Amino acid sequence: MIALSGVTKAFDDNRVLQGVDLAVETGRSMVIIGGSGTGKSVLLKCILGLVRPDGGTIALDGQDVARADRDAFLARFGMLFQGAALFDSLPVWQNVAFRLLRGSLARPRDEARAIAIEKLRRVGLGADVADKFPAELSGGMQKRVGLARAIAAEPEIIFFDEPTTGLDPIMAGVINDLIREIVTEMGATAMTITHDMSSVRAIADEVAMLHAGRIQWTGPVADLDHSGDPYVDQFVTGRATGPIEAVR
């Protein structure tokens, strides 16, 4: 579904991506791990076209994304942003139905609201939440609203950017379980970036480690604990010593 070949991106002298090769199979859940500042978010933005790569190719379903019709291309994606990123001036149901109220995916207002309430129900929130504003919700509830928005338009591909950041361990586990269930139900192709190993083990089919601008290792999540790669081993165990230098 998603194929990257030799993707590079630099910001002035900071070479963030230095030749990324990665393939994400249709209907599979790929989790990208790596330390803070290694370029995980930049990689997602390159795929979405929010950042233009300096070199290499990115293909979606065999088509070069640089030549794709922008609206049709983006209509295939859903996104759960870090921190939920809800619009604080809109009630919850309009946040969830944001894409269904405008553009090529627009539906009648009553239909969009009904879909929003159904998606809220799918993530464990009742209809009573629909007319509240984000500030009236807890962090965990806001994250669920963000997840409902990500799936509202039934996307083929869903991106999750640090889905459990800022959540307590119990709520993080709830969100991880929801993501796994929903991705499986929808048959969606998923890509997640995180440094939370509990999320990795709950969400991933495959794991790729991004380090020094390249994919250091990729393989099934079942092989993560015996990858044989010293970078992966250090990251998974959280050791301060190893090939990855800790920033002091």
C-alpha atoms as a PDB file:
ATOM      1  CA  MET A   1       0.000   0.000   0.000  1.00  0.00           C
ATOM      2  CA  ILE A   2       2.807   2.416   0.929  1.00  0.00           C
ATOM      3  CA  ALA A   3       6.314   2.166  -0.527  1.00  0.00           C
ATOM      4  CA  LEU A   4       9.214   4.523   0.176  1.00  0.00           C
ATOM      5  CA  SER A   5      12.490   4.296  -1.722  1.00  0.00           C
ATOM      6  CA  GLY A   6      15.556   6.379  -0.940  1.00  0.00           C
ATOM      7  CA  VAL A   7      13.550   9.189   0.681  1.00  0.00           C
ATOM      8  CA  THR A   8      15.690  12.094   1.876  1.00  0.00           C
ATOM      9  CA  LYS A   9      14.860  15.332   3.665  1.00  0.00           C
ATOM     10  CA  ALA A  10      17.087  18.020   5.162  1.00  0.00           C
ATOM     11  CA  PHE A  11      16.359  21.294   6.894  1.00  0.00           C
ATOM     12  CA  ASP A  12      19.404  23.480   6.210  1.00  0.00           C
ATOM     13  CA  ASP A  13      22.335  21.435   7.553  1.00  0.00           C
ATOM     14  CA  ASN A  14      20.140  19.021   9.497  1.00  0.00           C
ATOM     15  CA  ARG A  15      19.839  15.863   7.384  1.00  0.00           C
ATOM     16  CA  VAL A  16      16.760  14.295   8.949  1.00  0.00           C
ATOM     17  CA  LEU A  17      16.002  11.515   6.440  1.00  0.00           C
ATOM     18  CA  GLN A  18      19.007  10.053   4.666  1.00  0.00           C
ATOM     19  CA  GLY A  19      17.604   7.411   2.359  1.00  0.00           C
ATOM     20  CA  VAL A  20      14.546   5.755   3.885  1.00  0.00           C
ATOM     21  CA  ASP A  21      13.366   2.498   2.299  1.00  0.00           C
ATOM     22  CA  LEU A  22      10.149   1.078   3.715  1.00  0.00           C
ATOM     23  CA  ALA A  23       7.170  -0.977   2.543  1.00  0.00           C
ATOM     24  CA  VAL A  24       3.818  -1.200   4.339  1.00  0.00           C
ATOM     25  CA  GLU A  25       1.608  -4.022   3.103  1.00  0.00           C
ATOM     26  CA  THR A  26      -2.123  -3.543   2.541  1.00  0.00           C
ATOM     27  CA  GLY A  27      -4.175  -4.237   5.676  1.00  0.00           C
ATOM     28  CA  ARG A  28      -1.135  -4.444   7.947  1.00  0.00           C
ATOM     29  CA  SER A  29      -0.163  -2.330  10.938  1.00  0.00           C
ATOM     30  CA  MET A  30       3.353  -0.891  10.778  1.00  0.00           C
ATOM     31  CA  VAL A  31       4.826   0.825  13.835  1.00  0.00           C
ATOM     32  CA  ILE A  32       7.887   3.033  13.457  1.00  0.00           C
ATOM     33  CA  ILE A  33      10.028   3.369  16.555  1.00  0.00           C
ATOM     34  CA  GLY A  34      13.015   5.556  17.257  1.00  0.00           C
ATOM     35  CA  GLY A  35      14.260   8.200  19.636  1.00  0.00           C
ATOM     36  CA  SER A  36      12.964  11.741  19.836  1.00  0.00           C
ATOM     37  CA  GLY A  37      14.160  13.877  16.942  1.00  0.00           C
ATOM     38  CA  THR A  38      14.981  10.969  14.646  1.00  0.00           C
ATOM     39  CA  GLY A  39      12.535  12.082  11.939  1.00  0.00           C
ATOM     40  CA  LYS A  40       9.478   9.896  12.576  1.00  0.00           C
ATOM     41  CA  SER A  41       7.007  12.764  12.287  1.00  0.00           C
ATOM     42  CA  VAL A  42       8.846  14.192   9.274  1.00  0.00           C
ATOM     43  CA  LEU A  43       8.460  10.809   7.578  1.00  0.00           C
ATOM     44  CA  LEU A  44       4.672  10.849   8.073  1.00  0.00           C
ATOM     45  CA  LYS A  45       4.484  14.433   6.815  1.00  0.00           C
ATOM     46  CA  CYS A  46       6.425  13.456   3.697  1.00  0.00           C
ATOM     47  CA  ILE A  47       3.987  10.640   2.956  1.00  0.00           C
ATOM     48  CA  LEU A  48       1.023  12.984   3.414  1.00  0.00           C
ATOM     49  CA  GLY A  49       2.630  15.670   1.269  1.00  0.00           C
ATOM     50  CA  LEU A  50       2.784  18.203   4.105  1.00  0.00           C
ATOM     51  CA  VAL A  51       6.554  18.245   3.667  1.00  0.00           C
ATOM     52  CA  ARG A  52       8.161  17.784   0.267  1.00  0.00           C
ATOM     53  CA  PRO A  53      11.061  15.293   0.345  1.00  0.00           C
ATOM     54  CA  ASP A  54      14.334  16.328  -1.249  1.00  0.00           C
ATOM     55  CA  GLY A  55      14.836  13.000  -2.990  1.00  0.00           C
ATOM     56  CA  GLY A  56      13.534   9.484  -3.413  1.00  0.00           C
ATOM     57  CA  THR A  57      10.032   8.281  -4.237  1.00  0.00           C
ATOM     58  CA  ILE A  58       6.880   7.661  -2.242  1.00  0.00           C
ATOM     59  CA  ALA A  59       4.174   5.514  -3.800  1.00  0.00           C
ATOM     60  CA  LEU A  60       0.651   4.837  -2.607  1.00  0.00           C
ATOM     61  CA  ASP A  61      -0.891   1.700  -4.064  1.00  0.00           C
ATOM     62  CA  GLY A  62       1.726   1.854  -6.832  1.00  0.00           C
ATOM     63  CA  GLN A  63       1.105   5.509  -7.724  1.00  0.00           C
ATOM     64  CA  ASP A  64       3.702   8.223  -7.170  1.00  0.00           C
ATOM     65  CA  VAL A  65       2.130  10.519  -4.576  1.00  0.00           C
ATOM     66  CA  ALA A  66       3.795  13.550  -6.177  1.00  0.00           C
ATOM     67  CA  ARG A  67       1.540  13.058  -9.221  1.00  0.00           C
ATOM     68  CA  ALA A  68      -1.649  12.152  -7.360  1.00  0.00           C
ATOM     69  CA  ASP A  69      -4.790  14.278  -7.278  1.00  0.00           C
ATOM     70  CA  ARG A  70      -4.476  15.974  -3.909  1.00  0.00           C
ATOM     71  CA  ASP A  71      -8.089  15.790  -2.736  1.00  0.00           C
ATOM     72  CA  ALA A  72      -8.566  12.174  -3.804  1.00  0.00           C
ATOM     73  CA  PHE A  73      -5.231  11.264  -2.244  1.00  0.00           C
ATOM     74  CA  LEU A  74      -5.990  12.787   1.162  1.00  0.00           C
ATOM     75  CA  ALA A  75      -9.505  11.320   1.182  1.00  0.00           C
ATOM     76  CA  ARG A  76      -7.917   7.891   1.591  1.00  0.00           C
ATOM     77  CA  PHE A  77      -6.273   8.841   4.911  1.00  0.00           C
ATOM     78  CA  GLY A  78      -7.348   9.255   8.513  1.00  0.00           C
ATOM     79  CA  MET A  79      -5.087  10.700  11.189  1.00  0.00           C
ATOM     80  CA  LEU A  80      -4.945  10.591  14.970  1.00  0.00           C
ATOM     81  CA  PHE A  81      -2.742  13.509  15.942  1.00  0.00           C
ATOM     82  CA  GLN A  82      -0.486  13.695  18.956  1.00  0.00           C
ATOM     83  CA  GLY A  83      -2.423  15.413  21.734  1.00  0.00           C
ATOM     84  CA  ALA A  84      -5.709  14.780  19.815  1.00  0.00           C
ATOM     85  CA  ALA A  85      -5.485  18.292  18.205  1.00  0.00           C
ATOM     86  CA  LEU A  86      -9.200  19.002  18.463  1.00  0.00           C
ATOM     87  CA  PHE A  87     -10.744  22.304  17.409  1.00  0.00           C
ATOM     88  CA  ASP A  88     -11.601  23.900  20.746  1.00  0.00           C
ATOM     89  CA  SER A  89     -14.269  26.193  19.253  1.00  0.00           C
ATOM     90  CA  LEU A  90     -16.289  23.299  17.787  1.00  0.00           C
ATOM     91  CA  PRO A  91     -18.480  20.842  19.702  1.00  0.00           C
ATOM     92  CA  VAL A  92     -17.330  17.256  19.791  1.00  0.00           C
ATOM     93  CA  TRP A  93     -19.640  15.991  17.056  1.00  0.00           C
ATOM     94  CA  GLN A  94     -18.413  18.662  14.615  1.00  0.00           C
ATOM     95  CA  ASN A  95     -14.825  17.715  15.437  1.00  0.00           C
ATOM     96  CA  VAL A  96     -15.578  14.089  14.613  1.00  0.00           C
ATOM     97  CA  ALA A  97     -17.538  14.990  11.462  1.00  0.00           C
ATOM     98  CA  PHE A  98     -15.108  17.699  10.348  1.00  0.00           C
ATOM     99  CA  ARG A  99     -14.335  16.064   6.992  1.00  0.00           C
ATOM    100  CA  LEU A 100     -17.967  15.086   6.480  1.00  0.00           C
ATOM    101  CA  LEU A 101     -19.144  18.701   6.651  1.00  0.00           C
ATOM    102  CA  ARG A 102     -16.943  20.092   3.888  1.00  0.00           C
ATOM    103  CA  GLY A 103     -15.119  19.291   0.661  1.00  0.00           C
ATOM    104  CA  SER A 104     -15.496  16.224  -1.507  1.00  0.00           C
ATOM    105  CA  LEU A 105     -16.644  14.037   1.413  1.00  0.00           C
ATOM    106  CA  ALA A 106     -19.440  16.396   2.500  1.00  0.00           C
ATOM    107  CA  ARG A 107     -22.690  14.858   3.755  1.00  0.00           C
ATOM    108  CA  PRO A 108     -25.965  16.472   4.843  1.00  0.00           C
ATOM    109  CA  ARG A 109     -25.572  17.914   8.331  1.00  0.00           C
ATOM    110  CA  ASP A 110     -27.992  15.485  10.013  1.00  0.00           C
ATOM    111  CA  GLU A 111     -26.263  12.511   8.390  1.00  0.00           C
ATOM    112  CA  ALA A 112     -22.830  13.797   9.408  1.00  0.00           C
ATOM    113  CA  ARG A 113     -23.994  14.176  13.012  1.00  0.00           C
ATOM    114  CA  ALA A 114     -25.436  10.646  13.042  1.00  0.00           C
ATOM    115  CA  ILE A 115     -22.150   9.225  11.732  1.00  0.00           C
ATOM    116  CA  ALA A 116     -20.230  11.202  14.354  1.00  0.00           C
ATOM    117  CA  ILE A 117     -22.372   9.829  17.175  1.00  0.00           C
ATOM    118  CA  GLU A 118     -21.931   6.279  15.845  1.00  0.00           C
ATOM    119  CA  LYS A 119     -18.144   6.714  15.710  1.00  0.00           C
ATOM    120  CA  LEU A 120     -18.163   8.140  19.237  1.00  0.00           C
ATOM    121  CA  ARG A 121     -20.066   5.059  20.346  1.00  0.00           C
ATOM    122  CA  ARG A 122     -17.433   2.875  18.667  1.00  0.00           C
ATOM    123  CA  VAL A 123     -14.704   4.429  20.810  1.00  0.00           C
ATOM    124  CA  GLY A 124     -16.729   4.096  23.997  1.00  0.00           C
ATOM    125  CA  LEU A 125     -18.304   7.550  24.273  1.00  0.00           C
ATOM    126  CA  GLY A 126     -22.044   8.192  24.579  1.00  0.00           C
ATOM    127  CA  ALA A 127     -24.225  10.541  22.592  1.00  0.00           C
ATOM    128  CA  ASP A 128     -24.272  12.913  25.587  1.00  0.00           C
ATOM    129  CA  VAL A 129     -20.682  13.865  24.702  1.00  0.00           C
ATOM    130  CA  ALA A 130     -21.586  15.043  21.193  1.00  0.00           C
ATOM    131  CA  ASP A 131     -22.553  18.603  22.125  1.00  0.00           C
ATOM    132  CA  LYS A 132     -19.809  19.183  24.675  1.00  0.00           C
ATOM    133  CA  PHE A 133     -16.670  21.130  23.848  1.00  0.00           C
ATOM    134  CA  PRO A 134     -13.179  19.590  24.010  1.00  0.00           C
ATOM    135  CA  ALA A 135     -12.253  21.597  27.121  1.00  0.00           C
ATOM    136  CA  GLU A 136     -15.048  19.809  28.994  1.00  0.00           C
ATOM    137  CA  LEU A 137     -13.439  16.397  28.396  1.00  0.00           C
ATOM    138  CA  SER A 138     -10.569  14.573  30.069  1.00  0.00           C
ATOM    139  CA  GLY A 139      -7.372  13.864  28.145  1.00  0.00           C
ATOM    140  CA  GLY A 140      -8.393  10.260  27.573  1.00  0.00           C
ATOM    141  CA  MET A 141     -11.804  11.285  26.271  1.00  0.00           C
ATOM    142  CA  GLN A 142     -10.213  13.840  23.952  1.00  0.00           C
ATOM    143  CA  LYS A 143      -7.968  11.120  22.560  1.00  0.00           C
ATOM    144  CA  ARG A 144     -11.020   8.946  21.904  1.00  0.00           C
ATOM    145  CA  VAL A 145     -12.704  11.835  20.090  1.00  0.00           C
ATOM    146  CA  GLY A 146      -9.559  12.207  17.983  1.00  0.00           C
ATOM    147  CA  LEU A 147      -9.741   8.491  17.164  1.00  0.00           C
ATOM    148  CA  ALA A 148     -13.423   8.788  16.239  1.00  0.00           C
ATOM    149  CA  ARG A 149     -12.529  11.660  13.894  1.00  0.00           C
ATOM    150  CA  ALA A 150      -9.742   9.589  12.323  1.00  0.00           C
ATOM    151  CA  ILE A 151     -12.188   6.819  11.351  1.00  0.00           C
ATOM    152  CA  ALA A 152     -15.266   8.951  10.584  1.00  0.00           C
ATOM    153  CA  ALA A 153     -14.789   8.879   6.800  1.00  0.00           C
ATOM    154  CA  GLU A 154     -13.917   5.141   6.717  1.00  0.00           C
ATOM    155  CA  PRO A 155     -10.350   5.708   5.453  1.00  0.00           C
ATOM    156  CA  GLU A 156      -8.240   3.002   3.853  1.00  0.00           C
ATOM    157  CA  ILE A 157      -5.120   4.173   5.677  1.00  0.00           C
ATOM    158  CA  ILE A 158      -4.833   5.523   9.222  1.00  0.00           C
ATOM    159  CA  PHE A 159      -1.828   7.269  10.734  1.00  0.00           C
ATOM    160  CA  PHE A 160      -1.336   7.424  14.498  1.00  0.00           C
ATOM    161  CA  ASP A 161       1.126  10.005  15.823  1.00  0.00           C
ATOM    162  CA  GLU A 162       2.215   9.088  19.379  1.00  0.00           C
ATOM    163  CA  PRO A 163      -1.319   7.872  20.238  1.00  0.00           C
ATOM    164  CA  THR A 164      -0.731   7.427  23.993  1.00  0.00           C
ATOM    165  CA  THR A 165       1.337  10.535  24.770  1.00  0.00           C
ATOM    166  CA  GLY A 166       0.145  12.209  27.979  1.00  0.00           C
ATOM    167  CA  LEU A 167      -2.114   9.349  29.059  1.00  0.00           C
ATOM    168  CA  ASP A 168      -1.842   7.279  32.231  1.00  0.00           C
ATOM    169  CA  PRO A 169      -0.918   3.589  31.740  1.00  0.00           C
ATOM    170  CA  ILE A 170      -4.506   2.352  32.079  1.00  0.00           C
ATOM    171  CA  MET A 171      -5.964   4.816  29.567  1.00  0.00           C
ATOM    172  CA  ALA A 172      -2.994   4.193  27.261  1.00  0.00           C
ATOM    173  CA  GLY A 173      -3.892   0.507  27.322  1.00  0.00           C
ATOM    174  CA  VAL A 174      -7.524   1.319  26.497  1.00  0.00           C
ATOM    175  CA  ILE A 175      -6.481   3.454  23.510  1.00  0.00           C
ATOM    176  CA  ASN A 176      -4.046   0.792  22.286  1.00  0.00           C
ATOM    177  CA  ASP A 177      -6.776  -1.862  22.435  1.00  0.00           C
ATOM    178  CA  LEU A 178      -9.230   0.401  20.600  1.00  0.00           C
ATOM    179  CA  ILE A 179      -6.723   1.108  17.840  1.00  0.00           C
ATOM    180  CA  ARG A 180      -5.981  -2.583  17.361  1.00  0.00           C
ATOM    181  CA  GLU A 181      -9.678  -3.509  17.282  1.00  0.00           C
ATOM    182  CA  ILE A 182     -10.687  -0.718  14.908  1.00  0.00           C
ATOM    183  CA  VAL A 183      -7.826  -1.271  12.458  1.00  0.00           C
ATOM    184  CA  THR A 184      -8.651  -4.982  12.343  1.00  0.00           C
ATOM    185  CA  GLU A 185     -12.398  -4.374  11.903  1.00  0.00           C
ATOM    186  CA  MET A 186     -11.895  -1.849   9.119  1.00  0.00           C
ATOM    187  CA  GLY A 187      -9.191  -3.835   7.357  1.00  0.00           C
ATOM    188  CA  ALA A 188      -7.251  -0.579   7.216  1.00  0.00           C
ATOM    189  CA  THR A 189      -3.562  -0.148   6.560  1.00  0.00           C
ATOM    190  CA  ALA A 190      -2.057   1.542   9.618  1.00  0.00           C
ATOM    191  CA  MET A 191       1.161   3.378  10.346  1.00  0.00           C
ATOM    192  CA  THR A 192       1.998   4.446  13.889  1.00  0.00           C
ATOM    193  CA  ILE A 193       4.951   6.375  15.243  1.00  0.00           C
ATOM    194  CA  THR A 194       5.741   5.949  18.918  1.00  0.00           C
ATOM    195  CA  HIS A 195       8.447   5.364  21.488  1.00  0.00           C
ATOM    196  CA  ASP A 196       6.000   3.647  23.866  1.00  0.00           C
ATOM    197  CA  MET A 197       6.887  -0.031  23.775  1.00  0.00           C
ATOM    198  CA  SER A 198       3.507  -1.084  25.215  1.00  0.00           C
ATOM    199  CA  SER A 199       1.869   0.565  22.199  1.00  0.00           C
ATOM    200  CA  VAL A 200       4.279  -1.205  19.850  1.00  0.00           C
ATOM    201  CA  ARG A 201       3.403  -4.628  21.223  1.00  0.00           C
ATOM    202  CA  ALA A 202      -0.338  -3.921  21.248  1.00  0.00           C
ATOM    203  CA  ILE A 203      -0.679  -2.311  17.812  1.00  0.00           C
ATOM    204  CA  ALA A 204       2.034  -3.642  15.507  1.00  0.00           C
ATOM    205  CA  ASP A 205       2.105  -6.397  12.947  1.00  0.00           C
ATOM    206  CA  GLU A 206       5.510  -5.184  11.775  1.00  0.00           C
ATOM    207  CA  VAL A 207       8.026  -2.817  13.353  1.00  0.00           C
ATOM    208  CA  ALA A 208      10.604  -0.566  11.724  1.00  0.00           C
ATOM    209  CA  MET A 209      13.292   1.313  13.622  1.00  0.00           C
ATOM    210  CA  LEU A 210      14.341   4.715  12.291  1.00  0.00           C
ATOM    211  CA  HIS A 211      17.840   5.767  13.342  1.00  0.00           C
ATOM    212  CA  ALA A 212      20.279   8.265  11.850  1.00  0.00           C
ATOM    213  CA  GLY A 213      17.906   8.988   8.986  1.00  0.00           C
ATOM    214  CA  ARG A 214      17.546   5.387   7.803  1.00  0.00           C
ATOM    215  CA  ILE A 215      15.519   2.302   8.617  1.00  0.00           C
ATOM    216  CA  GLN A 216      17.906   0.427  10.890  1.00  0.00           C
ATOM    217  CA  TRP A 217      15.793  -2.735  11.155  1.00  0.00           C
ATOM    218  CA  THR A 218      12.371  -3.968  10.162  1.00  0.00           C
ATOM    219  CA  GLY A 219      10.560  -7.186  10.948  1.00  0.00           C
ATOM    220  CA  PRO A 220       7.531  -8.809  12.610  1.00  0.00           C
ATOM    221  CA  VAL A 221       6.708  -7.598  16.104  1.00  0.00           C
ATOM    222  CA  ALA A 222       7.260 -11.171  17.330  1.00  0.00           C
ATOM    223  CA  ASP A 223      10.959 -10.811  16.404  1.00  0.00           C
ATOM    224  CA  LEU A 224      11.432  -7.532  18.256  1.00  0.00           C
ATOM    225  CA  ASP A 225      12.970  -9.010  21.400  1.00  0.00           C
ATOM    226  CA  HIS A 226      15.472 -11.131  19.476  1.00  0.00           C
ATOM    227  CA  SER A 227      16.163  -8.939  16.451  1.00  0.00           C
ATOM    228  CA  GLY A 228      19.925  -9.367  16.717  1.00  0.00           C
ATOM    229  CA  ASP A 229      20.308  -5.641  16.013  1.00  0.00           C
ATOM    230  CA  PRO A 230      22.165  -3.757  18.768  1.00  0.00           C
ATOM    231  CA  TYR A 231      20.274  -0.510  18.094  1.00  0.00           C
ATOM    232  CA  VAL A 232      16.899  -2.214  18.407  1.00  0.00           C
ATOM    233  CA  ASP A 233      17.983  -4.161  21.475  1.00  0.00           C
ATOM    234  CA  GLN A 234      19.133  -0.990  23.240  1.00  0.00           C
ATOM    235  CA  PHE A 235      15.956   0.884  22.364  1.00  0.00           C
ATOM    236  CA  VAL A 236      13.630  -1.935  23.417  1.00  0.00           C
ATOM    237  CA  THR A 237      15.370  -2.490  26.751  1.00  0.00           C
ATOM    238  CA  GLY A 238      15.938   1.213  27.416  1.00  0.00           C
ATOM    239  CA  ARG A 239      19.623   0.799  28.257  1.00  0.00           C
ATOM    240  CA  ALA A 240      21.640   3.991  28.582  1.00  0.00           C
ATOM    241  CA  THR A 241      24.720   2.310  27.114  1.00  0.00           C
ATOM    242  CA  GLY A 242      24.992   1.037  23.559  1.00  0.00           C
ATOM    243  CA  PRO A 243      25.341   2.298  19.992  1.00  0.00           C
ATOM    244  CA  ILE A 244      22.616   4.929  20.515  1.00  0.00           C
ATOM    245  CA  GLU A 245      24.157   7.860  22.332  1.00  0.00           C
ATOM    246  CA  ALA A 246      21.995   9.258  25.110  1.00  0.00           C
ATOM    247  CA  VAL A 247      21.634  13.040  24.990  1.00  0.00           C
ATOM    248  CA  ARG A 248      22.752  14.480  28.325  1.00  0.00           C
END
